Amino acid sequence: MVYSDVKHGTKMSTEELIILAIFIIALVSLIIWAIYYFFFHKKGQQEGESCDKNDDCDSGLYCGGDNKCHKGTNGKDPGAICAESSECKLGLSCIGKMCTPQNVL
């Protein structure tokens, strides 16, 4: 079936109308996603906020042994010297000035 635009003298087939509709739906979906992402999307946790894994923290932060986000890319490894648990990698606590696995407590 062919639809006619009498005013402009153009004709569109059913297939062309379907393609146009799909294009419009995709464009509207992209606009809605962009609005959500740039205005409402919550970025990672900020420094000092709680976390369960490194991915919970914003870029440039890591999830420390105290389950809070800290500046840096990673905490200290097991056996490293520390002053507090926040310096250690996730899953480690600062015990006796050394990063120690929490299950050893």
PDB file of N, CA and C in Angstrom:
ATOM      1  N   MET A   1       0.849  -1.168   0.000  1.00  0.00           N
ATOM      2  CA  MET A   1       0.000   0.000   0.000  1.00  0.00           C
ATOM      3  C   MET A   1       0.896   1.233   0.000  1.00  0.00           C
ATOM      4  N   VAL A   2       0.491   2.261  -0.692  1.00  0.00           N
ATOM      5  CA  VAL A   2       1.258   3.486  -0.817  1.00  0.00           C
ATOM      6  C   VAL A   2       0.446   4.625  -0.232  1.00  0.00           C
ATOM      7  N   TYR A   3       1.109   5.405   0.656  1.00  0.00           N
ATOM      8  CA  TYR A   3       0.463   6.570   1.243  1.00  0.00           C
ATOM      9  C   TYR A   3       0.956   7.805   0.507  1.00  0.00           C
ATOM     10  N   SER A   4       0.064   8.720   0.291  1.00  0.00           N
ATOM     11  CA  SER A   4       0.413   9.892  -0.497  1.00  0.00           C
ATOM     12  C   SER A   4       0.293  11.157   0.339  1.00  0.00           C
ATOM     13  N   ASP A   5       1.254  12.025   0.185  1.00  0.00           N
ATOM     14  CA  ASP A   5       1.202  13.347   0.792  1.00  0.00           C
ATOM     15  C   ASP A   5       0.785  14.300  -0.315  1.00  0.00           C
ATOM     16  N   VAL A   6      -0.501  14.583  -0.361  1.00  0.00           N
ATOM     17  CA  VAL A   6      -1.058  15.380  -1.448  1.00  0.00           C
ATOM     18  C   VAL A   6      -0.424  16.754  -1.511  1.00  0.00           C
ATOM     19  N   LYS A   7      -0.121  17.320  -0.372  1.00  0.00           N
ATOM     20  CA  LYS A   7       0.422  18.675  -0.310  1.00  0.00           C
ATOM     21  C   LYS A   7       1.773  18.790  -1.024  1.00  0.00           C
ATOM     22  N   HIS A   8       2.631  17.790  -0.821  1.00  0.00           N
ATOM     23  CA  HIS A   8       3.968  17.839  -1.398  1.00  0.00           C
ATOM     24  C   HIS A   8       4.141  16.878  -2.561  1.00  0.00           C
ATOM     25  N   GLY A   9       3.182  16.043  -2.812  1.00  0.00           N
ATOM     26  CA  GLY A   9       3.241  15.120  -3.921  1.00  0.00           C
ATOM     27  C   GLY A   9       4.188  13.959  -3.730  1.00  0.00           C
ATOM     28  N   THR A  10       4.568  13.627  -2.483  1.00  0.00           N
ATOM     29  CA  THR A  10       5.467  12.507  -2.225  1.00  0.00           C
ATOM     30  C   THR A  10       4.667  11.290  -1.824  1.00  0.00           C
ATOM     31  N   LYS A  11       5.215  10.129  -2.087  1.00  0.00           N
ATOM     32  CA  LYS A  11       4.549   8.881  -1.735  1.00  0.00           C
ATOM     33  C   LYS A  11       5.490   8.048  -0.870  1.00  0.00           C
ATOM     34  N   MET A  12       4.948   7.420   0.172  1.00  0.00           N
ATOM     35  CA  MET A  12       5.738   6.547   1.048  1.00  0.00           C
ATOM     36  C   MET A  12       5.078   5.183   1.096  1.00  0.00           C
ATOM     37  N   SER A  13       5.892   4.139   0.956  1.00  0.00           N
ATOM     38  CA  SER A  13       5.368   2.780   1.053  1.00  0.00           C
ATOM     39  C   SER A  13       5.245   2.407   2.531  1.00  0.00           C
ATOM     40  N   THR A  14       4.555   1.310   2.776  1.00  0.00           N
ATOM     41  CA  THR A  14       4.394   0.814   4.141  1.00  0.00           C
ATOM     42  C   THR A  14       5.762   0.520   4.759  1.00  0.00           C
ATOM     43  N   GLU A  15       6.661  -0.050   3.975  1.00  0.00           N
ATOM     44  CA  GLU A  15       7.993  -0.373   4.467  1.00  0.00           C
ATOM     45  C   GLU A  15       8.749   0.894   4.876  1.00  0.00           C
ATOM     46  N   GLU A  16       8.620   1.934   4.079  1.00  0.00           N
ATOM     47  CA  GLU A  16       9.288   3.188   4.401  1.00  0.00           C
ATOM     48  C   GLU A  16       8.721   3.810   5.674  1.00  0.00           C
ATOM     49  N   LEU A  17       7.418   3.710   5.861  1.00  0.00           N
ATOM     50  CA  LEU A  17       6.794   4.222   7.083  1.00  0.00           C
ATOM     51  C   LEU A  17       7.271   3.450   8.305  1.00  0.00           C
ATOM     52  N   ILE A  18       7.410   2.138   8.166  1.00  0.00           N
ATOM     53  CA  ILE A  18       7.897   1.313   9.278  1.00  0.00           C
ATOM     54  C   ILE A  18       9.339   1.699   9.623  1.00  0.00           C
ATOM     55  N   ILE A  19      10.178   1.863   8.601  1.00  0.00           N
ATOM     56  CA  ILE A  19      11.566   2.259   8.830  1.00  0.00           C
ATOM     57  C   ILE A  19      11.619   3.632   9.492  1.00  0.00           C
ATOM     58  N   LEU A  20      10.799   4.559   9.044  1.00  0.00           N
ATOM     59  CA  LEU A  20      10.747   5.889   9.646  1.00  0.00           C
ATOM     60  C   LEU A  20      10.315   5.815  11.108  1.00  0.00           C
ATOM     61  N   ALA A  21       9.309   4.994  11.400  1.00  0.00           N
ATOM     62  CA  ALA A  21       8.827   4.836  12.776  1.00  0.00           C
ATOM     63  C   ALA A  21       9.919   4.248  13.665  1.00  0.00           C
ATOM     64  N   ILE A  22      10.639   3.242  13.178  1.00  0.00           N
ATOM     65  CA  ILE A  22      11.728   2.629  13.947  1.00  0.00           C
ATOM     66  C   ILE A  22      12.830   3.657  14.207  1.00  0.00           C
ATOM     67  N   PHE A  23      13.157   4.453  13.201  1.00  0.00           N
ATOM     68  CA  PHE A  23      14.170   5.491  13.360  1.00  0.00           C
ATOM     69  C   PHE A  23      13.758   6.505  14.424  1.00  0.00           C
ATOM     70  N   ILE A  24      12.513   6.937  14.376  1.00  0.00           N
ATOM     71  CA  ILE A  24      12.018   7.921  15.357  1.00  0.00           C
ATOM     72  C   ILE A  24      12.039   7.327  16.759  1.00  0.00           C
ATOM     73  N   ILE A  25      11.624   6.071  16.912  1.00  0.00           N
ATOM     74  CA  ILE A  25      11.633   5.412  18.232  1.00  0.00           C
ATOM     75  C   ILE A  25      13.065   5.304  18.748  1.00  0.00           C
ATOM     76  N   ALA A  26      14.008   4.916  17.878  1.00  0.00           N
ATOM     77  CA  ALA A  26      15.410   4.803  18.284  1.00  0.00           C
ATOM     78  C   ALA A  26      15.973   6.160  18.689  1.00  0.00           C
ATOM     79  N   LEU A  27      15.649   7.190  17.937  1.00  0.00           N
ATOM     80  CA  LEU A  27      16.142   8.533  18.246  1.00  0.00           C
ATOM     81  C   LEU A  27      15.592   9.030  19.582  1.00  0.00           C
ATOM     82  N   VAL A  28      14.314   8.834  19.828  1.00  0.00           N
ATOM     83  CA  VAL A  28      13.706   9.249  21.095  1.00  0.00           C
ATOM     84  C   VAL A  28      14.325   8.456  22.256  1.00  0.00           C
ATOM     85  N   SER A  29      14.550   7.159  22.049  1.00  0.00           N
ATOM     86  CA  SER A  29      15.175   6.335  23.094  1.00  0.00           C
ATOM     87  C   SER A  29      16.582   6.833  23.420  1.00  0.00           C
ATOM     88  N   LEU A  30      17.341   7.182  22.391  1.00  0.00           N
ATOM     89  CA  LEU A  30      18.694   7.702  22.594  1.00  0.00           C
ATOM     90  C   LEU A  30      18.673   9.019  23.358  1.00  0.00           C
ATOM     91  N   ILE A  31      17.744   9.875  23.046  1.00  0.00           N
ATOM     92  CA  ILE A  31      17.623  11.166  23.742  1.00  0.00           C
ATOM     93  C   ILE A  31      17.266  10.944  25.208  1.00  0.00           C
ATOM     94  N   ILE A  32      16.332  10.040  25.485  1.00  0.00           N
ATOM     95  CA  ILE A  32      15.932   9.739  26.873  1.00  0.00           C
ATOM     96  C   ILE A  32      17.123   9.163  27.643  1.00  0.00           C
ATOM     97  N   TRP A  33      17.875   8.226  27.029  1.00  0.00           N
ATOM     98  CA  TRP A  33      19.043   7.645  27.689  1.00  0.00           C
ATOM     99  C   TRP A  33      20.075   8.730  28.000  1.00  0.00           C
ATOM    100  N   ALA A  34      20.339   9.621  27.045  1.00  0.00           N
ATOM    101  CA  ALA A  34      21.330  10.681  27.245  1.00  0.00           C
ATOM    102  C   ALA A  34      20.929  11.603  28.389  1.00  0.00           C
ATOM    103  N   ILE A  35      19.662  11.957  28.453  1.00  0.00           N
ATOM    104  CA  ILE A  35      19.172  12.810  29.547  1.00  0.00           C
ATOM    105  C   ILE A  35      19.376  12.102  30.883  1.00  0.00           C
ATOM    106  N   TYR A  36      19.023  10.816  30.955  1.00  0.00           N
ATOM    107  CA  TYR A  36      19.206  10.059  32.196  1.00  0.00           C
ATOM    108  C   TYR A  36      20.688   9.999  32.573  1.00  0.00           C
ATOM    109  N   TYR A  37      21.531   9.620  31.607  1.00  0.00           N
ATOM    110  CA  TYR A  37      22.943   9.405  31.907  1.00  0.00           C
ATOM    111  C   TYR A  37      23.637  10.681  32.383  1.00  0.00           C
ATOM    112  N   PHE A  38      23.376  11.788  31.708  1.00  0.00           N
ATOM    113  CA  PHE A  38      24.100  13.017  32.038  1.00  0.00           C
ATOM    114  C   PHE A  38      23.499  13.811  33.196  1.00  0.00           C
ATOM    115  N   PHE A  39      22.229  13.564  33.512  1.00  0.00           N
ATOM    116  CA  PHE A  39      21.599  14.363  34.571  1.00  0.00           C
ATOM    117  C   PHE A  39      21.199  13.564  35.802  1.00  0.00           C
ATOM    118  N   PHE A  40      20.952  12.261  35.685  1.00  0.00           N
ATOM    119  CA  PHE A  40      20.437  11.500  36.814  1.00  0.00           C
ATOM    120  C   PHE A  40      21.291  10.297  37.201  1.00  0.00           C
ATOM    121  N   HIS A  41      22.202   9.874  36.332  1.00  0.00           N
ATOM    122  CA  HIS A  41      23.023   8.695  36.593  1.00  0.00           C
ATOM    123  C   HIS A  41      23.970   8.961  37.759  1.00  0.00           C
ATOM    124  N   LYS A  42      23.888   8.109  38.783  1.00  0.00           N
ATOM    125  CA  LYS A  42      24.759   8.271  39.945  1.00  0.00           C
ATOM    126  C   LYS A  42      26.113   7.671  39.632  1.00  0.00           C
ATOM    127  N   LYS A  43      27.117   8.455  39.816  1.00  0.00           N
ATOM    128  CA  LYS A  43      28.474   7.977  39.600  1.00  0.00           C
ATOM    129  C   LYS A  43      28.885   7.154  40.826  1.00  0.00           C
ATOM    130  N   GLY A  44      30.111   6.662  40.830  1.00  0.00           N
ATOM    131  CA  GLY A  44      30.572   5.850  41.944  1.00  0.00           C
ATOM    132  C   GLY A  44      30.592   6.620  43.259  1.00  0.00           C
ATOM    133  N   GLN A  45      30.729   5.867  44.342  1.00  0.00           N
ATOM    134  CA  GLN A  45      30.794   6.468  45.671  1.00  0.00           C
ATOM    135  C   GLN A  45      31.997   7.412  45.748  1.00  0.00           C
ATOM    136  N   GLN A  46      31.866   8.454  46.521  1.00  0.00           N
ATOM    137  CA  GLN A  46      32.932   9.441  46.686  1.00  0.00           C
ATOM    138  C   GLN A  46      33.814   9.060  47.882  1.00  0.00           C
ATOM    139  N   GLU A  47      34.930   9.765  48.036  1.00  0.00           N
ATOM    140  CA  GLU A  47      35.861   9.485  49.125  1.00  0.00           C
ATOM    141  C   GLU A  47      35.148   9.547  50.471  1.00  0.00           C
ATOM    142  N   GLY A  48      35.338   8.507  51.273  1.00  0.00           N
ATOM    143  CA  GLY A  48      34.731   8.441  52.599  1.00  0.00           C
ATOM    144  C   GLY A  48      33.374   7.761  52.631  1.00  0.00           C
ATOM    145  N   GLU A  49      32.777   7.533  51.455  1.00  0.00           N
ATOM    146  CA  GLU A  49      31.473   6.859  51.419  1.00  0.00           C
ATOM    147  C   GLU A  49      31.670   5.352  51.446  1.00  0.00           C
ATOM    148  N   SER A  50      30.643   4.623  51.887  1.00  0.00           N
ATOM    149  CA  SER A  50      30.765   3.174  52.065  1.00  0.00           C
ATOM    150  C   SER A  50      30.814   2.442  50.722  1.00  0.00           C
ATOM    151  N   CYS A  51      31.467   1.270  50.742  1.00  0.00           N
ATOM    152  CA  CYS A  51      31.608   0.446  49.538  1.00  0.00           C
ATOM    153  C   CYS A  51      31.749  -1.015  49.947  1.00  0.00           C
ATOM    154  N   ASP A  52      31.486  -1.893  48.982  1.00  0.00           N
ATOM    155  CA  ASP A  52      31.675  -3.327  49.196  1.00  0.00           C
ATOM    156  C   ASP A  52      32.744  -3.890  48.268  1.00  0.00           C
ATOM    157  N   LYS A  53      33.044  -3.147  47.185  1.00  0.00           N
ATOM    158  CA  LYS A  53      34.065  -3.570  46.225  1.00  0.00           C
ATOM    159  C   LYS A  53      34.618  -2.340  45.528  1.00  0.00           C
ATOM    160  N   ASN A  54      35.776  -2.475  44.886  1.00  0.00           N
ATOM    161  CA  ASN A  54      36.416  -1.331  44.232  1.00  0.00           C
ATOM    162  C   ASN A  54      35.516  -0.675  43.186  1.00  0.00           C
ATOM    163  N   ASP A  55      34.721  -1.467  42.488  1.00  0.00           N
ATOM    164  CA  ASP A  55      33.831  -0.927  41.455  1.00  0.00           C
ATOM    165  C   ASP A  55      32.774   0.017  42.021  1.00  0.00           C
ATOM    166  N   ASP A  56      32.513  -0.070  43.308  1.00  0.00           N
ATOM    167  CA  ASP A  56      31.528   0.831  43.931  1.00  0.00           C
ATOM    168  C   ASP A  56      32.049   2.264  44.004  1.00  0.00           C
ATOM    169  N   CYS A  57      33.365   2.428  44.005  1.00  0.00           N
ATOM    170  CA  CYS A  57      33.979   3.748  44.181  1.00  0.00           C
ATOM    171  C   CYS A  57      34.172   4.448  42.843  1.00  0.00           C
ATOM    172  N   ASP A  58      34.139   5.775  42.882  1.00  0.00           N
ATOM    173  CA  ASP A  58      34.351   6.595  41.695  1.00  0.00           C
ATOM    174  C   ASP A  58      35.781   6.409  41.191  1.00  0.00           C
ATOM    175  N   SER A  59      36.032   6.858  39.983  1.00  0.00           N
ATOM    176  CA  SER A  59      37.350   6.754  39.363  1.00  0.00           C
ATOM    177  C   SER A  59      38.418   7.413  40.251  1.00  0.00           C
ATOM    178  N   GLY A  60      39.554   6.756  40.384  1.00  0.00           N
ATOM    179  CA  GLY A  60      40.649   7.292  41.188  1.00  0.00           C
ATOM    180  C   GLY A  60      40.550   6.946  42.662  1.00  0.00           C
ATOM    181  N   LEU A  61      39.554   6.138  43.033  1.00  0.00           N
ATOM    182  CA  LEU A  61      39.365   5.728  44.427  1.00  0.00           C
ATOM    183  C   LEU A  61      39.353   4.202  44.505  1.00  0.00           C
ATOM    184  N   TYR A  62      39.677   3.657  45.666  1.00  0.00           N
ATOM    185  CA  TYR A  62      39.580   2.221  45.900  1.00  0.00           C
ATOM    186  C   TYR A  62      38.793   1.978  47.178  1.00  0.00           C
ATOM    187  N   CYS A  63      38.249   0.775  47.291  1.00  0.00           N
ATOM    188  CA  CYS A  63      37.488   0.394  48.484  1.00  0.00           C
ATOM    189  C   CYS A  63      38.465  -0.202  49.487  1.00  0.00           C
ATOM    190  N   GLY A  64      38.697   0.489  50.590  1.00  0.00           N
ATOM    191  CA  GLY A  64      39.666   0.068  51.598  1.00  0.00           C
ATOM    192  C   GLY A  64      39.137  -0.996  52.539  1.00  0.00           C
ATOM    193  N   GLY A  65      40.015  -1.454  53.401  1.00  0.00           N
ATOM    194  CA  GLY A  65      39.665  -2.487  54.374  1.00  0.00           C
ATOM    195  C   GLY A  65      38.607  -2.043  55.364  1.00  0.00           C
ATOM    196  N   ASP A  66      38.361  -0.751  55.458  1.00  0.00           N
ATOM    197  CA  ASP A  66      37.312  -0.244  56.347  1.00  0.00           C
ATOM    198  C   ASP A  66      35.991  -0.074  55.596  1.00  0.00           C
ATOM    199  N   ASN A  67      35.915  -0.619  54.376  1.00  0.00           N
ATOM    200  CA  ASN A  67      34.721  -0.546  53.525  1.00  0.00           C
ATOM    201  C   ASN A  67      34.306   0.889  53.222  1.00  0.00           C
ATOM    202  N   LYS A  68      35.293   1.750  52.999  1.00  0.00           N
ATOM    203  CA  LYS A  68      35.052   3.128  52.578  1.00  0.00           C
ATOM    204  C   LYS A  68      35.971   3.437  51.403  1.00  0.00           C
ATOM    205  N   CYS A  69      35.538   4.355  50.530  1.00  0.00           N
ATOM    206  CA  CYS A  69      36.336   4.740  49.368  1.00  0.00           C
ATOM    207  C   CYS A  69      37.458   5.691  49.778  1.00  0.00           C
ATOM    208  N   HIS A  70      38.663   5.438  49.233  1.00  0.00           N
ATOM    209  CA  HIS A  70      39.839   6.245  49.548  1.00  0.00           C
ATOM    210  C   HIS A  70      40.573   6.604  48.260  1.00  0.00           C
ATOM    211  N   LYS A  71      41.325   7.710  48.288  1.00  0.00           N
ATOM    212  CA  LYS A  71      42.109   8.127  47.130  1.00  0.00           C
ATOM    213  C   LYS A  71      43.182   7.086  46.828  1.00  0.00           C
ATOM    214  N   GLY A  72      43.417   6.882  45.553  1.00  0.00           N
ATOM    215  CA  GLY A  72      44.425   5.932  45.102  1.00  0.00           C
ATOM    216  C   GLY A  72      43.790   4.871  44.226  1.00  0.00           C
ATOM    217  N   THR A  73      44.627   3.979  43.743  1.00  0.00           N
ATOM    218  CA  THR A  73      44.110   2.937  42.849  1.00  0.00           C
ATOM    219  C   THR A  73      43.941   1.599  43.549  1.00  0.00           C
ATOM    220  N   ASN A  74      44.564   1.426  44.698  1.00  0.00           N
ATOM    221  CA  ASN A  74      44.421   0.163  45.416  1.00  0.00           C
ATOM    222  C   ASN A  74      45.013   0.312  46.810  1.00  0.00           C
ATOM    223  N   GLY A  75      44.577  -0.550  47.707  1.00  0.00           N
ATOM    224  CA  GLY A  75      45.117  -0.536  49.057  1.00  0.00           C
ATOM    225  C   GLY A  75      46.380  -1.382  49.144  1.00  0.00           C
ATOM    226  N   LYS A  76      46.934  -1.449  50.333  1.00  0.00           N
ATOM    227  CA  LYS A  76      48.171  -2.216  50.563  1.00  0.00           C
ATOM    228  C   LYS A  76      47.873  -3.710  50.634  1.00  0.00           C
ATOM    229  N   ASP A  77      48.854  -4.499  50.236  1.00  0.00           N
ATOM    230  CA  ASP A  77      48.743  -5.960  50.215  1.00  0.00           C
ATOM    231  C   ASP A  77      48.887  -6.543  51.624  1.00  0.00           C
ATOM    232  N   PRO A  78      48.502  -7.824  51.787  1.00  0.00           N
ATOM    233  CA  PRO A  78      48.694  -8.483  53.081  1.00  0.00           C
ATOM    234  C   PRO A  78      50.166  -8.439  53.503  1.00  0.00           C
ATOM    235  N   GLY A  79      50.408  -8.135  54.761  1.00  0.00           N
ATOM    236  CA  GLY A  79      51.754  -8.075  55.300  1.00  0.00           C
ATOM    237  C   GLY A  79      52.386  -6.694  55.222  1.00  0.00           C
ATOM    238  N   ALA A  80      51.739  -5.769  54.490  1.00  0.00           N
ATOM    239  CA  ALA A  80      52.289  -4.416  54.380  1.00  0.00           C
ATOM    240  C   ALA A  80      52.075  -3.662  55.690  1.00  0.00           C
ATOM    241  N   ILE A  81      52.965  -2.735  55.990  1.00  0.00           N
ATOM    242  CA  ILE A  81      52.863  -1.919  57.204  1.00  0.00           C
ATOM    243  C   ILE A  81      51.738  -0.899  57.028  1.00  0.00           C
ATOM    244  N   CYS A  82      50.946  -0.727  58.086  1.00  0.00           N
ATOM    245  CA  CYS A  82      49.807   0.196  58.020  1.00  0.00           C
ATOM    246  C   CYS A  82      49.595   0.866  59.376  1.00  0.00           C
ATOM    247  N   ALA A  83      48.853   1.964  59.342  1.00  0.00           N
ATOM    248  CA  ALA A  83      48.470   2.649  60.576  1.00  0.00           C
ATOM    249  C   ALA A  83      46.985   2.451  60.862  1.00  0.00           C
ATOM    250  N   GLU A  84      46.209   2.208  59.795  1.00  0.00           N
ATOM    251  CA  GLU A  84      44.764   1.983  59.956  1.00  0.00           C
ATOM    252  C   GLU A  84      44.254   1.134  58.798  1.00  0.00           C
ATOM    253  N   SER A  85      43.100   0.511  58.987  1.00  0.00           N
ATOM    254  CA  SER A  85      42.548  -0.424  58.012  1.00  0.00           C
ATOM    255  C   SER A  85      42.251   0.220  56.657  1.00  0.00           C
ATOM    256  N   SER A  86      42.004   1.518  56.644  1.00  0.00           N
ATOM    257  CA  SER A  86      41.689   2.187  55.382  1.00  0.00           C
ATOM    258  C   SER A  86      42.844   2.120  54.383  1.00  0.00           C
ATOM    259  N   GLU A  87      44.059   1.888  54.879  1.00  0.00           N
ATOM    260  CA  GLU A  87      45.232   1.805  54.006  1.00  0.00           C
ATOM    261  C   GLU A  87      45.337   0.452  53.308  1.00  0.00           C
ATOM    262  N   CYS A  88      44.646  -0.551  53.835  1.00  0.00           N
ATOM    263  CA  CYS A  88      44.749  -1.920  53.328  1.00  0.00           C
ATOM    264  C   CYS A  88      43.717  -2.192  52.239  1.00  0.00           C
ATOM    265  N   LYS A  89      43.997  -3.222  51.432  1.00  0.00           N
ATOM    266  CA  LYS A  89      43.048  -3.647  50.416  1.00  0.00           C
ATOM    267  C   LYS A  89      41.765  -4.135  51.079  1.00  0.00           C
ATOM    268  N   LEU A  90      40.702  -4.150  50.292  1.00  0.00           N
ATOM    269  CA  LEU A  90      39.416  -4.650  50.773  1.00  0.00           C
ATOM    270  C   LEU A  90      39.575  -6.092  51.261  1.00  0.00           C
ATOM    271  N   GLY A  91      39.012  -6.405  52.394  1.00  0.00           N
ATOM    272  CA  GLY A  91      39.114  -7.737  52.981  1.00  0.00           C
ATOM    273  C   GLY A  91      40.255  -7.860  53.981  1.00  0.00           C
ATOM    274  N   LEU A  92      41.054  -6.783  54.131  1.00  0.00           N
ATOM    275  CA  LEU A  92      42.158  -6.779  55.082  1.00  0.00           C
ATOM    276  C   LEU A  92      41.904  -5.733  56.160  1.00  0.00           C
ATOM    277  N   SER A  93      42.427  -5.994  57.324  1.00  0.00           N
ATOM    278  CA  SER A  93      42.356  -5.033  58.423  1.00  0.00           C
ATOM    279  C   SER A  93      43.769  -4.759  58.920  1.00  0.00           C
ATOM    280  N   CYS A  94      43.974  -3.583  59.485  1.00  0.00           N
ATOM    281  CA  CYS A  94      45.272  -3.228  60.036  1.00  0.00           C
ATOM    282  C   CYS A  94      45.331  -3.755  61.474  1.00  0.00           C
ATOM    283  N   ILE A  95      46.058  -4.844  61.653  1.00  0.00           N
ATOM    284  CA  ILE A  95      46.185  -5.475  62.973  1.00  0.00           C
ATOM    285  C   ILE A  95      47.670  -5.543  63.307  1.00  0.00           C
ATOM    286  N   GLY A  96      48.048  -4.963  64.436  1.00  0.00           N
ATOM    287  CA  GLY A  96      49.453  -4.951  64.832  1.00  0.00           C
ATOM    288  C   GLY A  96      50.323  -4.243  63.802  1.00  0.00           C
ATOM    289  N   LYS A  97      49.776  -3.167  63.225  1.00  0.00           N
ATOM    290  CA  LYS A  97      50.475  -2.349  62.227  1.00  0.00           C
ATOM    291  C   LYS A  97      50.814  -3.115  60.946  1.00  0.00           C
ATOM    292  N   MET A  98      49.990  -4.159  60.647  1.00  0.00           N
ATOM    293  CA  MET A  98      50.193  -4.951  59.436  1.00  0.00           C
ATOM    294  C   MET A  98      48.840  -5.277  58.811  1.00  0.00           C
ATOM    295  N   CYS A  99      48.744  -5.137  57.470  1.00  0.00           N
ATOM    296  CA  CYS A  99      47.511  -5.507  56.770  1.00  0.00           C
ATOM    297  C   CYS A  99      47.340  -7.017  56.852  1.00  0.00           C
ATOM    298  N   THR A 100      46.234  -7.425  57.461  1.00  0.00           N
ATOM    299  CA  THR A 100      45.983  -8.828  57.759  1.00  0.00           C
ATOM    300  C   THR A 100      44.598  -9.217  57.258  1.00  0.00           C
ATOM    301  N   PRO A 101      44.446 -10.422  56.663  1.00  0.00           N
ATOM    302  CA  PRO A 101      43.112 -10.871  56.256  1.00  0.00           C
ATOM    303  C   PRO A 101      42.143 -10.839  57.428  1.00  0.00           C
ATOM    304  N   GLN A 102      40.922 -10.378  57.179  1.00  0.00           N
ATOM    305  CA  GLN A 102      39.940 -10.228  58.259  1.00  0.00           C
ATOM    306  C   GLN A 102      39.529 -11.557  58.854  1.00  0.00           C
ATOM    307  N   ASN A 103      39.603 -12.643  58.093  1.00  0.00           N
ATOM    308  CA  ASN A 103      39.192 -13.942  58.643  1.00  0.00           C
ATOM    309  C   ASN A 103      40.211 -14.521  59.627  1.00  0.00           C
ATOM    310  N   VAL A 104      41.359 -13.852  59.786  1.00  0.00           N
ATOM    311  CA  VAL A 104      42.385 -14.294  60.741  1.00  0.00           C
ATOM    312  C   VAL A 104      42.088 -13.760  62.141  1.00  0.00           C
ATOM    313  N   LEU A 105      41.190 -12.780  62.231  1.00  0.00           N
ATOM    314  CA  LEU A 105      40.866 -12.180  63.529  1.00  0.00           C
ATOM    315  C   LEU A 105      40.458 -13.240  64.450  1.00  0.00           C
TER     316      LEU A 105
END
